[in-house]
Amino acid sequence: MNENLKYEQAVAELESIVKKMENDELDIDSLAEQLKRAKQLIQLCKDKLTKADEEIQKILEKE
């Protein structure tokens, strides 16, 4: 997975996957693959949010 993917890009890709799932655009093989990708994207987003929160807390503590 591309760790340099921006948060907004990851969210957009997740939204695309959800839309395909809602519209029954995925066969069973594609569905499994897309679910794995979605799991990776969710983890990436969580990691980015956690890191941003930690950085904000450090900045606030210094002031």
C-alpha atoms as a PDB file:
ATOM      1  CA  MET A   1       0.000   0.000   0.000  1.00  0.00           C
ATOM      2  CA  ASN A   2       1.170   3.497  -0.755  1.00  0.00           C
ATOM      3  CA  GLU A   3       1.984   5.043   2.623  1.00  0.00           C
ATOM      4  CA  ASN A   4       2.391   8.426   0.923  1.00  0.00           C
ATOM      5  CA  LEU A   5      -1.297   8.437   0.091  1.00  0.00           C
ATOM      6  CA  LYS A   6      -2.925  11.550   1.500  1.00  0.00           C
ATOM      7  CA  TYR A   7      -5.805  11.228   3.942  1.00  0.00           C
ATOM      8  CA  GLU A   8      -8.234  12.836   1.498  1.00  0.00           C
ATOM      9  CA  GLN A   9      -7.172  10.432  -1.254  1.00  0.00           C
ATOM     10  CA  ALA A  10      -7.669   7.444   1.030  1.00  0.00           C
ATOM     11  CA  VAL A  11     -11.143   8.646   2.007  1.00  0.00           C
ATOM     12  CA  ALA A  12     -12.059   9.212  -1.647  1.00  0.00           C
ATOM     13  CA  GLU A  13     -10.924   5.693  -2.530  1.00  0.00           C
ATOM     14  CA  LEU A  14     -12.932   4.285   0.390  1.00  0.00           C
ATOM     15  CA  GLU A  15     -16.017   6.185  -0.799  1.00  0.00           C
ATOM     16  CA  SER A  16     -15.522   4.749  -4.284  1.00  0.00           C
ATOM     17  CA  ILE A  17     -15.322   1.213  -2.901  1.00  0.00           C
ATOM     18  CA  VAL A  18     -18.490   1.727  -0.843  1.00  0.00           C
ATOM     19  CA  LYS A  19     -20.334   3.110  -3.881  1.00  0.00           C
ATOM     20  CA  LYS A  20     -19.352   0.060  -5.957  1.00  0.00           C
ATOM     21  CA  MET A  21     -20.524  -2.230  -3.158  1.00  0.00           C
ATOM     22  CA  GLU A  22     -23.840  -0.402  -2.807  1.00  0.00           C
ATOM     23  CA  ASN A  23     -24.419  -0.588  -6.566  1.00  0.00           C
ATOM     24  CA  ASP A  24     -23.552  -4.314  -6.738  1.00  0.00           C
ATOM     25  CA  GLU A  25     -20.761  -3.531  -9.209  1.00  0.00           C
ATOM     26  CA  LEU A  26     -18.332  -6.084  -7.750  1.00  0.00           C
ATOM     27  CA  ASP A  27     -18.232  -9.803  -8.349  1.00  0.00           C
ATOM     28  CA  ILE A  28     -17.253 -12.031  -5.429  1.00  0.00           C
ATOM     29  CA  ASP A  29     -13.530 -12.023  -6.291  1.00  0.00           C
ATOM     30  CA  SER A  30     -13.427  -8.257  -6.689  1.00  0.00           C
ATOM     31  CA  LEU A  31     -15.459  -7.818  -3.518  1.00  0.00           C
ATOM     32  CA  ALA A  32     -12.919  -9.735  -1.445  1.00  0.00           C
ATOM     33  CA  GLU A  33     -10.077  -7.727  -2.959  1.00  0.00           C
ATOM     34  CA  GLN A  34     -11.852  -4.424  -2.393  1.00  0.00           C
ATOM     35  CA  LEU A  35     -12.670  -5.334   1.208  1.00  0.00           C
ATOM     36  CA  LYS A  36      -8.972  -6.002   1.863  1.00  0.00           C
ATOM     37  CA  ARG A  37      -8.099  -2.655   0.273  1.00  0.00           C
ATOM     38  CA  ALA A  38     -10.760  -0.892   2.332  1.00  0.00           C
ATOM     39  CA  LYS A  39      -9.322  -2.394   5.519  1.00  0.00           C
ATOM     40  CA  GLN A  40      -5.869  -1.080   4.579  1.00  0.00           C
ATOM     41  CA  LEU A  41      -7.261   2.361   3.797  1.00  0.00           C
ATOM     42  CA  ILE A  42      -9.159   2.522   7.085  1.00  0.00           C
ATOM     43  CA  GLN A  43      -5.987   1.645   8.995  1.00  0.00           C
ATOM     44  CA  LEU A  44      -4.023   4.271   7.068  1.00  0.00           C
ATOM     45  CA  CYS A  45      -6.658   6.902   7.912  1.00  0.00           C
ATOM     46  CA  LYS A  46      -6.665   5.915  11.595  1.00  0.00           C
ATOM     47  CA  ASP A  47      -2.864   6.118  11.701  1.00  0.00           C
ATOM     48  CA  LYS A  48      -2.844   9.553  10.061  1.00  0.00           C
ATOM     49  CA  LEU A  49      -5.516  10.857  12.438  1.00  0.00           C
ATOM     50  CA  THR A  50      -3.668   9.494  15.471  1.00  0.00           C
ATOM     51  CA  LYS A  51      -0.415  11.064  14.320  1.00  0.00           C
ATOM     52  CA  ALA A  52      -2.098  14.408  13.661  1.00  0.00           C
ATOM     53  CA  ASP A  53      -3.758  14.314  17.083  1.00  0.00           C
ATOM     54  CA  GLU A  54      -0.414  13.596  18.775  1.00  0.00           C
ATOM     55  CA  GLU A  55       1.241  16.475  16.927  1.00  0.00           C
ATOM     56  CA  ILE A  56      -1.559  18.843  17.903  1.00  0.00           C
ATOM     57  CA  GLN A  57      -1.302  17.783  21.545  1.00  0.00           C
ATOM     58  CA  LYS A  58       2.467  18.452  21.518  1.00  0.00           C
ATOM     59  CA  ILE A  59       1.932  21.907  20.063  1.00  0.00           C
ATOM     60  CA  LEU A  60      -0.751  22.734  22.616  1.00  0.00           C
ATOM     61  CA  GLU A  61       1.421  21.526  25.497  1.00  0.00           C
ATOM     62  CA  LYS A  62       4.239  23.855  24.447  1.00  0.00           C
ATOM     63  CA  GLU A  63       2.018  26.927  24.579  1.00  0.00           C
END
